[in-house]
Amino acid sequence: MADSTGPDTVYHLGVRIPPPLIYVAVFVIGLLLQKFLPIDVLPKSVRQVTASLFTGVSAILAVWSFVCFWRARTSPFPIKPSTSLITDGPYRFTRNPIYVSLACLYVGLALWFDVFWALVLLPVVIVVVSYYTISSEECYLERKFGEEYLRYKTRVRRWL
């Protein structure tokens, strides 16, 4: 593990669960609830069209985000140190487009597979990712990029 005082400190001090697993774990809880307490709210055609839109937005946002990381020659994986601050592309609209992309994918899958309970639990995912993961990332980025990151935070929202 990296030295917790150096400029390249791994952001996740104390964060042991990769963020995508948070989405998966809560989705599985939603699946179990749906199995034992089924709720069917929307017609299949509406669910599938909406699911396709959310999944498409997710894919576009994820690819766009990863291209920005590639161009900046820094890692998109939060367990590796950042070498540059990305503020262009989707990062002009949200400081966390990959997490927004995961949330869109989560919604798309919940709709496609008719897992209403997963939708009910989405706020739990957002809160856990915000306070468990993003707050740690933000502390790391503040230490690493200082005033540049603080100015960026004032211009761009955390989610949307």
C-alpha atoms as a PDB file:
ATOM      1  CA  MET A   1       0.000   0.000   0.000  1.00  0.00           C
ATOM      2  CA  ALA A   2       1.206   3.494  -0.786  1.00  0.00           C
ATOM      3  CA  ASP A   3       2.534   5.845   1.855  1.00  0.00           C
ATOM      4  CA  SER A   4      -0.477   7.753   3.169  1.00  0.00           C
ATOM      5  CA  THR A   5       1.371  11.066   3.228  1.00  0.00           C
ATOM      6  CA  GLY A   6       2.905  11.208  -0.249  1.00  0.00           C
ATOM      7  CA  PRO A   7       1.377  13.058  -3.192  1.00  0.00           C
ATOM      8  CA  ASP A   8       0.505   9.828  -4.976  1.00  0.00           C
ATOM      9  CA  THR A   9      -1.317   8.294  -2.035  1.00  0.00           C
ATOM     10  CA  VAL A  10      -3.910   5.795  -3.160  1.00  0.00           C
ATOM     11  CA  TYR A  11      -7.211   7.575  -2.610  1.00  0.00           C
ATOM     12  CA  HIS A  12      -9.073   4.743  -1.024  1.00  0.00           C
ATOM     13  CA  LEU A  13      -7.582   4.750   2.436  1.00  0.00           C
ATOM     14  CA  GLY A  14     -10.130   2.647   4.267  1.00  0.00           C
ATOM     15  CA  VAL A  15     -12.203   1.955   1.154  1.00  0.00           C
ATOM     16  CA  ARG A  16     -12.092  -1.774   0.630  1.00  0.00           C
ATOM     17  CA  ILE A  17     -14.982  -2.367  -1.766  1.00  0.00           C
ATOM     18  CA  PRO A  18     -14.598  -1.376  -5.424  1.00  0.00           C
ATOM     19  CA  PRO A  19     -17.434   1.043  -6.290  1.00  0.00           C
ATOM     20  CA  PRO A  20     -18.958  -1.160  -9.045  1.00  0.00           C
ATOM     21  CA  LEU A  21     -19.453  -3.881  -6.436  1.00  0.00           C
ATOM     22  CA  ILE A  22     -21.615  -1.511  -4.407  1.00  0.00           C
ATOM     23  CA  TYR A  23     -23.946  -1.176  -7.397  1.00  0.00           C
ATOM     24  CA  VAL A  24     -23.940  -4.960  -7.909  1.00  0.00           C
ATOM     25  CA  ALA A  25     -24.539  -5.797  -4.232  1.00  0.00           C
ATOM     26  CA  VAL A  26     -27.525  -3.472  -3.912  1.00  0.00           C
ATOM     27  CA  PHE A  27     -28.906  -4.685  -7.257  1.00  0.00           C
ATOM     28  CA  VAL A  28     -28.749  -8.280  -5.969  1.00  0.00           C
ATOM     29  CA  ILE A  29     -30.663  -7.217  -2.849  1.00  0.00           C
ATOM     30  CA  GLY A  30     -33.248  -5.677  -5.185  1.00  0.00           C
ATOM     31  CA  LEU A  31     -33.425  -8.943  -7.144  1.00  0.00           C
ATOM     32  CA  LEU A  32     -34.074 -10.902  -3.945  1.00  0.00           C
ATOM     33  CA  LEU A  33     -36.757  -8.476  -2.812  1.00  0.00           C
ATOM     34  CA  GLN A  34     -38.362  -8.647  -6.265  1.00  0.00           C
ATOM     35  CA  LYS A  35     -38.416 -12.435  -6.066  1.00  0.00           C
ATOM     36  CA  PHE A  36     -40.146 -12.520  -2.682  1.00  0.00           C
ATOM     37  CA  LEU A  37     -42.189  -9.292  -2.919  1.00  0.00           C
ATOM     38  CA  PRO A  38     -42.823  -8.829  -6.650  1.00  0.00           C
ATOM     39  CA  ILE A  39     -43.955  -5.452  -7.883  1.00  0.00           C
ATOM     40  CA  ASP A  40     -44.750  -4.795 -11.530  1.00  0.00           C
ATOM     41  CA  VAL A  41     -45.284  -1.108 -12.232  1.00  0.00           C
ATOM     42  CA  LEU A  42     -44.633  -0.365 -15.902  1.00  0.00           C
ATOM     43  CA  PRO A  43     -45.696  -2.143 -19.090  1.00  0.00           C
ATOM     44  CA  LYS A  44     -42.944  -4.196 -20.688  1.00  0.00           C
ATOM     45  CA  SER A  45     -42.693  -2.003 -23.809  1.00  0.00           C
ATOM     46  CA  VAL A  46     -42.221   1.173 -21.723  1.00  0.00           C
ATOM     47  CA  ARG A  47     -39.644  -0.561 -19.527  1.00  0.00           C
ATOM     48  CA  GLN A  48     -37.641  -1.838 -22.490  1.00  0.00           C
ATOM     49  CA  VAL A  49     -37.565   1.484 -24.347  1.00  0.00           C
ATOM     50  CA  THR A  50     -36.577   3.359 -21.198  1.00  0.00           C
ATOM     51  CA  ALA A  51     -34.029   0.675 -20.294  1.00  0.00           C
ATOM     52  CA  SER A  52     -32.474   0.954 -23.740  1.00  0.00           C
ATOM     53  CA  LEU A  53     -32.153   4.728 -23.370  1.00  0.00           C
ATOM     54  CA  PHE A  54     -30.500   4.485 -19.953  1.00  0.00           C
ATOM     55  CA  THR A  55     -28.170   1.723 -21.111  1.00  0.00           C
ATOM     56  CA  GLY A  56     -27.207   3.704 -24.202  1.00  0.00           C
ATOM     57  CA  VAL A  57     -26.475   6.833 -22.151  1.00  0.00           C
ATOM     58  CA  SER A  58     -24.421   4.681 -19.799  1.00  0.00           C
ATOM     59  CA  ALA A  59     -22.311   3.267 -22.626  1.00  0.00           C
ATOM     60  CA  ILE A  60     -21.714   6.668 -24.237  1.00  0.00           C
ATOM     61  CA  LEU A  61     -20.779   8.272 -20.931  1.00  0.00           C
ATOM     62  CA  ALA A  62     -18.450   5.428 -19.943  1.00  0.00           C
ATOM     63  CA  VAL A  63     -16.623   5.348 -23.267  1.00  0.00           C
ATOM     64  CA  TRP A  64     -16.339   9.158 -23.351  1.00  0.00           C
ATOM     65  CA  SER A  65     -14.937   9.135 -19.795  1.00  0.00           C
ATOM     66  CA  PHE A  66     -12.394   6.407 -20.517  1.00  0.00           C
ATOM     67  CA  VAL A  67     -11.255   8.214 -23.678  1.00  0.00           C
ATOM     68  CA  CYS A  68     -10.593  11.309 -21.538  1.00  0.00           C
ATOM     69  CA  PHE A  69      -8.456   9.239 -19.176  1.00  0.00           C
ATOM     70  CA  TRP A  70      -6.589   7.697 -22.093  1.00  0.00           C
ATOM     71  CA  ARG A  71      -5.891  11.116 -23.643  1.00  0.00           C
ATOM     72  CA  ALA A  72      -4.696  12.475 -20.292  1.00  0.00           C
ATOM     73  CA  ARG A  73      -2.483   9.392 -19.844  1.00  0.00           C
ATOM     74  CA  THR A  74      -3.779   8.698 -16.386  1.00  0.00           C
ATOM     75  CA  SER A  75      -5.552   5.686 -14.941  1.00  0.00           C
ATOM     76  CA  PRO A  76      -9.342   5.551 -14.740  1.00  0.00           C
ATOM     77  CA  PHE A  77      -9.037   3.047 -11.902  1.00  0.00           C
ATOM     78  CA  PRO A  78      -9.299   4.682  -8.486  1.00  0.00           C
ATOM     79  CA  ILE A  79      -6.814   2.274  -6.914  1.00  0.00           C
ATOM     80  CA  LYS A  80      -4.032   3.854  -8.981  1.00  0.00           C
ATOM     81  CA  PRO A  81      -2.657   7.358  -8.420  1.00  0.00           C
ATOM     82  CA  SER A  82      -3.885  10.149 -10.681  1.00  0.00           C
ATOM     83  CA  THR A  83      -1.288  11.893 -12.791  1.00  0.00           C
ATOM     84  CA  SER A  84      -3.555  14.634 -14.115  1.00  0.00           C
ATOM     85  CA  LEU A  85      -6.868  16.284 -13.348  1.00  0.00           C
ATOM     86  CA  ILE A  86      -9.445  15.780 -16.080  1.00  0.00           C
ATOM     87  CA  THR A  87     -11.904  18.643 -16.462  1.00  0.00           C
ATOM     88  CA  ASP A  88     -12.993  18.304 -20.087  1.00  0.00           C
ATOM     89  CA  GLY A  89     -15.396  15.982 -21.892  1.00  0.00           C
ATOM     90  CA  PRO A  90     -18.124  14.715 -19.552  1.00  0.00           C
ATOM     91  CA  TYR A  91     -16.120  16.095 -16.629  1.00  0.00           C
ATOM     92  CA  ARG A  92     -17.410  19.549 -17.619  1.00  0.00           C
ATOM     93  CA  PHE A  93     -20.895  18.451 -16.496  1.00  0.00           C
ATOM     94  CA  THR A  94     -20.224  16.065 -13.608  1.00  0.00           C
ATOM     95  CA  ARG A  95     -17.166  15.337 -11.497  1.00  0.00           C
ATOM     96  CA  ASN A  96     -18.078  11.646 -11.551  1.00  0.00           C
ATOM     97  CA  PRO A  97     -19.293  10.610 -14.997  1.00  0.00           C
ATOM     98  CA  ILE A  98     -18.234   7.003 -14.514  1.00  0.00           C
ATOM     99  CA  TYR A  99     -20.403   6.706 -11.398  1.00  0.00           C
ATOM    100  CA  VAL A 100     -23.242   8.444 -13.257  1.00  0.00           C
ATOM    101  CA  SER A 101     -22.714   5.910 -16.048  1.00  0.00           C
ATOM    102  CA  LEU A 102     -22.913   3.052 -13.549  1.00  0.00           C
ATOM    103  CA  ALA A 103     -26.128   4.517 -12.122  1.00  0.00           C
ATOM    104  CA  CYS A 104     -27.618   4.737 -15.635  1.00  0.00           C
ATOM    105  CA  LEU A 105     -26.623   1.139 -16.328  1.00  0.00           C
ATOM    106  CA  TYR A 106     -28.133   0.106 -12.987  1.00  0.00           C
ATOM    107  CA  VAL A 107     -31.439   1.808 -13.898  1.00  0.00           C
ATOM    108  CA  GLY A 108     -31.370   0.320 -17.391  1.00  0.00           C
ATOM    109  CA  LEU A 109     -30.841  -3.202 -16.095  1.00  0.00           C
ATOM    110  CA  ALA A 110     -33.457  -2.793 -13.370  1.00  0.00           C
ATOM    111  CA  LEU A 111     -36.003  -1.699 -15.961  1.00  0.00           C
ATOM    112  CA  TRP A 112     -35.051  -4.304 -18.550  1.00  0.00           C
ATOM    113  CA  PHE A 113     -35.280  -7.171 -16.069  1.00  0.00           C
ATOM    114  CA  ASP A 114     -38.293  -5.697 -14.228  1.00  0.00           C
ATOM    115  CA  VAL A 115     -36.548  -5.374 -10.867  1.00  0.00           C
ATOM    116  CA  PHE A 116     -38.578  -2.555  -9.378  1.00  0.00           C
ATOM    117  CA  TRP A 117     -36.972  -3.013  -5.958  1.00  0.00           C
ATOM    118  CA  ALA A 118     -33.557  -2.207  -7.408  1.00  0.00           C
ATOM    119  CA  LEU A 119     -34.955   1.172  -8.479  1.00  0.00           C
ATOM    120  CA  VAL A 120     -36.303   1.757  -4.976  1.00  0.00           C
ATOM    121  CA  LEU A 121     -32.824   0.986  -3.604  1.00  0.00           C
ATOM    122  CA  LEU A 122     -30.924   3.247  -6.043  1.00  0.00           C
ATOM    123  CA  PRO A 123     -30.807   6.148  -3.537  1.00  0.00           C
ATOM    124  CA  VAL A 124     -28.980   3.803  -1.151  1.00  0.00           C
ATOM    125  CA  VAL A 125     -26.357   3.176  -3.840  1.00  0.00           C
ATOM    126  CA  ILE A 126     -25.974   6.900  -4.489  1.00  0.00           C
ATOM    127  CA  VAL A 127     -25.561   7.700  -0.786  1.00  0.00           C
ATOM    128  CA  VAL A 128     -23.066   4.877  -0.188  1.00  0.00           C
ATOM    129  CA  VAL A 129     -20.988   5.740  -3.260  1.00  0.00           C
ATOM    130  CA  SER A 130     -21.090   9.446  -2.357  1.00  0.00           C
ATOM    131  CA  TYR A 131     -19.976   9.063   1.221  1.00  0.00           C
ATOM    132  CA  TYR A 132     -17.942   5.873   1.084  1.00  0.00           C
ATOM    133  CA  THR A 133     -16.077   6.367  -2.179  1.00  0.00           C
ATOM    134  CA  ILE A 134     -16.413   9.835  -3.686  1.00  0.00           C
ATOM    135  CA  SER A 135     -15.639  11.697  -0.469  1.00  0.00           C
ATOM    136  CA  SER A 136     -12.365   9.729  -0.188  1.00  0.00           C
ATOM    137  CA  GLU A 137     -11.545  10.415  -3.830  1.00  0.00           C
ATOM    138  CA  GLU A 138     -12.213  14.107  -3.341  1.00  0.00           C
ATOM    139  CA  CYS A 139      -9.892  14.284  -0.330  1.00  0.00           C
ATOM    140  CA  TYR A 140      -7.174  12.604  -2.393  1.00  0.00           C
ATOM    141  CA  LEU A 141      -7.706  14.948  -5.356  1.00  0.00           C
ATOM    142  CA  GLU A 142      -7.639  17.997  -3.074  1.00  0.00           C
ATOM    143  CA  ARG A 143      -4.301  16.865  -1.632  1.00  0.00           C
ATOM    144  CA  LYS A 144      -2.925  15.983  -5.059  1.00  0.00           C
ATOM    145  CA  PHE A 145      -4.116  18.958  -7.135  1.00  0.00           C
ATOM    146  CA  GLY A 146      -4.843  21.569  -4.456  1.00  0.00           C
ATOM    147  CA  GLU A 147      -6.362  24.843  -5.592  1.00  0.00           C
ATOM    148  CA  GLU A 148      -6.892  23.600  -9.150  1.00  0.00           C
ATOM    149  CA  TYR A 149      -9.224  20.863  -7.893  1.00  0.00           C
ATOM    150  CA  LEU A 150     -10.978  23.191  -5.440  1.00  0.00           C
ATOM    151  CA  ARG A 151     -11.764  25.629  -8.280  1.00  0.00           C
ATOM    152  CA  TYR A 152     -13.029  22.716 -10.390  1.00  0.00           C
ATOM    153  CA  LYS A 153     -15.307  21.611  -7.520  1.00  0.00           C
ATOM    154  CA  THR A 154     -16.915  25.036  -7.388  1.00  0.00           C
ATOM    155  CA  ARG A 155     -17.722  24.918 -11.132  1.00  0.00           C
ATOM    156  CA  VAL A 156     -18.918  21.331 -11.561  1.00  0.00           C
ATOM    157  CA  ARG A 157     -21.433  19.315  -9.553  1.00  0.00           C
ATOM    158  CA  ARG A 158     -20.595  16.004  -7.920  1.00  0.00           C
ATOM    159  CA  TRP A 159     -23.320  14.067  -9.770  1.00  0.00           C
ATOM    160  CA  LEU A 160     -25.411  16.104 -12.210  1.00  0.00           C
END
